[in-house]
Amino acid sequence: MTEWTKNEIRDLLIRSDLACMRGVLAIFRNQTDYEKACRATVNQNGLGFRANHAKAGSELALWMSCGNNDGVLRRSVGGIMMYGGDMINRMALCRKIALHYVEQLTYQANKRGPGCLE
């Protein structure tokens, strides 16, 4: 089994909405239960969302998981939401956030095996 590279993960996120959604959910699953509940970054453990993405990333993940903290994809992102004082397309924000975490997602993809983001 070959491992994913950062460039392969970045390319996958650029071309695949599904990979972006799964990526945001994978990052969300790395949040602690407390961080998921308060939609903030508390622990500085190098996993999960950074402080500037914690609220929006958690809201996207909860939208996709129909309000469940398990981070399982149950519906696609769509529509718009407030981010940074502006209304933004949810899918565009999902991609922006996922692309910020290429290194973390590469690690997760290699840990879980082929097909985890596709």
C-alpha atoms as a PDB file:
ATOM      1  CA  MET A   1       0.000   0.000   0.000  1.00  0.00           C
ATOM      2  CA  THR A   2       1.404   3.376  -0.958  1.00  0.00           C
ATOM      3  CA  GLU A   3       0.961   6.349   1.289  1.00  0.00           C
ATOM      4  CA  TRP A   4      -0.797   9.568   0.359  1.00  0.00           C
ATOM      5  CA  THR A   5       1.353  12.647  -0.167  1.00  0.00           C
ATOM      6  CA  LYS A   6       0.357  16.173   0.825  1.00  0.00           C
ATOM      7  CA  ASN A   7       0.149  17.108  -2.867  1.00  0.00           C
ATOM      8  CA  GLU A   8      -2.195  14.194  -3.604  1.00  0.00           C
ATOM      9  CA  ILE A   9      -4.474  15.171  -0.701  1.00  0.00           C
ATOM     10  CA  ARG A  10      -4.426  18.843  -1.787  1.00  0.00           C
ATOM     11  CA  ASP A  11      -5.296  17.870  -5.378  1.00  0.00           C
ATOM     12  CA  LEU A  12      -8.094  15.606  -4.170  1.00  0.00           C
ATOM     13  CA  LEU A  13      -9.559  18.405  -2.031  1.00  0.00           C
ATOM     14  CA  ILE A  14      -9.390  20.857  -4.938  1.00  0.00           C
ATOM     15  CA  ARG A  15     -11.320  18.574  -7.290  1.00  0.00           C
ATOM     16  CA  SER A  16     -13.720  16.740  -4.951  1.00  0.00           C
ATOM     17  CA  ASP A  17     -16.514  18.253  -2.865  1.00  0.00           C
ATOM     18  CA  LEU A  18     -16.993  14.889  -1.149  1.00  0.00           C
ATOM     19  CA  ALA A  19     -13.324  14.772  -0.121  1.00  0.00           C
ATOM     20  CA  CYS A  20     -13.667  18.265   1.391  1.00  0.00           C
ATOM     21  CA  MET A  21     -16.739  17.247   3.358  1.00  0.00           C
ATOM     22  CA  ARG A  22     -15.066  14.080   4.608  1.00  0.00           C
ATOM     23  CA  GLY A  23     -11.958  16.097   5.421  1.00  0.00           C
ATOM     24  CA  VAL A  24     -13.817  18.604   7.601  1.00  0.00           C
ATOM     25  CA  LEU A  25     -15.552  15.724   9.359  1.00  0.00           C
ATOM     26  CA  ALA A  26     -12.203  13.974   9.946  1.00  0.00           C
ATOM     27  CA  ILE A  27     -10.826  17.135  11.532  1.00  0.00           C
ATOM     28  CA  PHE A  28     -13.987  17.485  13.628  1.00  0.00           C
ATOM     29  CA  ARG A  29     -13.590  13.921  14.909  1.00  0.00           C
ATOM     30  CA  ASN A  30     -10.174  14.952  16.247  1.00  0.00           C
ATOM     31  CA  GLN A  31     -11.759  17.617  18.437  1.00  0.00           C
ATOM     32  CA  THR A  32     -12.279  16.608  22.057  1.00  0.00           C
ATOM     33  CA  ASP A  33     -15.859  16.146  23.252  1.00  0.00           C
ATOM     34  CA  TYR A  34     -15.608  19.427  25.156  1.00  0.00           C
ATOM     35  CA  GLU A  35     -14.310  21.260  22.067  1.00  0.00           C
ATOM     36  CA  LYS A  36     -17.157  19.823  19.997  1.00  0.00           C
ATOM     37  CA  ALA A  37     -19.710  20.956  22.572  1.00  0.00           C
ATOM     38  CA  CYS A  38     -18.427  24.516  22.879  1.00  0.00           C
ATOM     39  CA  ARG A  39     -17.330  24.805  19.202  1.00  0.00           C
ATOM     40  CA  ALA A  40     -13.939  26.152  20.213  1.00  0.00           C
ATOM     41  CA  THR A  41     -10.354  25.004  20.406  1.00  0.00           C
ATOM     42  CA  VAL A  42      -9.269  24.446  23.994  1.00  0.00           C
ATOM     43  CA  ASN A  43      -6.485  21.875  23.890  1.00  0.00           C
ATOM     44  CA  GLN A  44      -3.262  22.732  22.089  1.00  0.00           C
ATOM     45  CA  ASN A  45      -2.640  19.151  20.923  1.00  0.00           C
ATOM     46  CA  GLY A  46      -2.077  19.765  17.209  1.00  0.00           C
ATOM     47  CA  LEU A  47      -5.297  17.928  16.316  1.00  0.00           C
ATOM     48  CA  GLY A  48      -8.661  19.235  15.260  1.00  0.00           C
ATOM     49  CA  PHE A  49      -9.461  22.793  14.246  1.00  0.00           C
ATOM     50  CA  ARG A  50      -7.351  25.835  15.021  1.00  0.00           C
ATOM     51  CA  ALA A  51      -9.078  28.580  16.990  1.00  0.00           C
ATOM     52  CA  ASN A  52      -9.914  30.612  13.875  1.00  0.00           C
ATOM     53  CA  HIS A  53     -11.747  27.661  12.262  1.00  0.00           C
ATOM     54  CA  ALA A  54     -13.239  25.957  15.324  1.00  0.00           C
ATOM     55  CA  LYS A  55     -16.677  27.598  15.257  1.00  0.00           C
ATOM     56  CA  ALA A  56     -17.247  27.472  11.490  1.00  0.00           C
ATOM     57  CA  GLY A  57     -15.655  24.034  11.091  1.00  0.00           C
ATOM     58  CA  SER A  58     -17.758  22.635  13.925  1.00  0.00           C
ATOM     59  CA  GLU A  59     -20.924  24.174  12.499  1.00  0.00           C
ATOM     60  CA  LEU A  60     -20.184  22.673   9.070  1.00  0.00           C
ATOM     61  CA  ALA A  61     -19.447  19.266  10.614  1.00  0.00           C
ATOM     62  CA  LEU A  62     -22.599  19.347  12.718  1.00  0.00           C
ATOM     63  CA  TRP A  63     -24.618  20.338   9.621  1.00  0.00           C
ATOM     64  CA  MET A  64     -23.185  17.406   7.657  1.00  0.00           C
ATOM     65  CA  SER A  65     -23.678  14.963  10.547  1.00  0.00           C
ATOM     66  CA  CYS A  66     -27.240  16.209  11.233  1.00  0.00           C
ATOM     67  CA  GLY A  67     -26.269  17.522  14.674  1.00  0.00           C
ATOM     68  CA  ASN A  68     -24.398  14.405  15.813  1.00  0.00           C
ATOM     69  CA  ASN A  69     -20.949  14.720  17.390  1.00  0.00           C
ATOM     70  CA  ASP A  70     -19.790  11.464  15.769  1.00  0.00           C
ATOM     71  CA  GLY A  71     -18.609  13.194  12.583  1.00  0.00           C
ATOM     72  CA  VAL A  72     -20.383  10.766  10.236  1.00  0.00           C
ATOM     73  CA  LEU A  73     -21.471  12.228   6.891  1.00  0.00           C
ATOM     74  CA  ARG A  74     -25.260  12.210   6.721  1.00  0.00           C
ATOM     75  CA  ARG A  75     -25.940  15.093   4.333  1.00  0.00           C
ATOM     76  CA  SER A  76     -24.063  17.295   1.905  1.00  0.00           C
ATOM     77  CA  VAL A  77     -23.258  20.876   2.602  1.00  0.00           C
ATOM     78  CA  GLY A  78     -25.246  23.419   0.685  1.00  0.00           C
ATOM     79  CA  GLY A  79     -26.596  26.908   1.005  1.00  0.00           C
ATOM     80  CA  ILE A  80     -24.873  29.775   2.744  1.00  0.00           C
ATOM     81  CA  MET A  81     -23.748  30.642   6.258  1.00  0.00           C
ATOM     82  CA  MET A  82     -22.193  33.553   8.122  1.00  0.00           C
ATOM     83  CA  TYR A  83     -18.387  33.508   8.336  1.00  0.00           C
ATOM     84  CA  GLY A  84     -16.138  36.415   9.254  1.00  0.00           C
ATOM     85  CA  GLY A  85     -19.038  38.843   9.079  1.00  0.00           C
ATOM     86  CA  ASP A  86     -19.973  37.818   5.533  1.00  0.00           C
ATOM     87  CA  MET A  87     -22.371  35.337   4.009  1.00  0.00           C
ATOM     88  CA  ILE A  88     -20.400  32.561   2.298  1.00  0.00           C
ATOM     89  CA  ASN A  89     -21.288  29.436   0.342  1.00  0.00           C
ATOM     90  CA  ARG A  90     -20.980  26.448   2.704  1.00  0.00           C
ATOM     91  CA  MET A  91     -19.145  24.305   0.148  1.00  0.00           C
ATOM     92  CA  ALA A  92     -16.609  27.066  -0.546  1.00  0.00           C
ATOM     93  CA  LEU A  93     -15.976  27.398   3.196  1.00  0.00           C
ATOM     94  CA  CYS A  94     -15.747  23.626   3.569  1.00  0.00           C
ATOM     95  CA  ARG A  95     -13.063  23.516   0.853  1.00  0.00           C
ATOM     96  CA  LYS A  96     -11.200  26.508   2.335  1.00  0.00           C
ATOM     97  CA  ILE A  97     -11.082  24.876   5.763  1.00  0.00           C
ATOM     98  CA  ALA A  98     -10.168  21.419   4.462  1.00  0.00           C
ATOM     99  CA  LEU A  99      -7.312  22.840   2.368  1.00  0.00           C
ATOM    100  CA  HIS A 100      -5.901  24.532   5.465  1.00  0.00           C
ATOM    101  CA  TYR A 101      -5.476  21.105   7.125  1.00  0.00           C
ATOM    102  CA  VAL A 102      -3.730  19.190   4.326  1.00  0.00           C
ATOM    103  CA  GLU A 103      -0.972  17.988   6.659  1.00  0.00           C
ATOM    104  CA  GLN A 104      -3.415  16.709   9.294  1.00  0.00           C
ATOM    105  CA  LEU A 105      -5.596  15.101   6.621  1.00  0.00           C
ATOM    106  CA  THR A 106      -2.595  13.439   4.987  1.00  0.00           C
ATOM    107  CA  TYR A 107      -1.687  11.919   8.335  1.00  0.00           C
ATOM    108  CA  GLN A 108      -5.290  10.752   8.880  1.00  0.00           C
ATOM    109  CA  ALA A 109      -5.596   9.346   5.351  1.00  0.00           C
ATOM    110  CA  ASN A 110      -2.403   7.327   5.750  1.00  0.00           C
ATOM    111  CA  LYS A 111      -3.532   6.108   9.149  1.00  0.00           C
ATOM    112  CA  ARG A 112      -6.953   4.984   7.849  1.00  0.00           C
ATOM    113  CA  GLY A 113      -5.922   3.709   4.433  1.00  0.00           C
ATOM    114  CA  PRO A 114      -6.929   4.251   0.804  1.00  0.00           C
ATOM    115  CA  GLY A 115     -10.361   5.610   0.009  1.00  0.00           C
ATOM    116  CA  CYS A 116     -10.973   7.358   3.334  1.00  0.00           C
ATOM    117  CA  LEU A 117     -11.422  10.782   1.720  1.00  0.00           C
ATOM    118  CA  GLU A 118     -12.636   9.749  -1.737  1.00  0.00           C
END
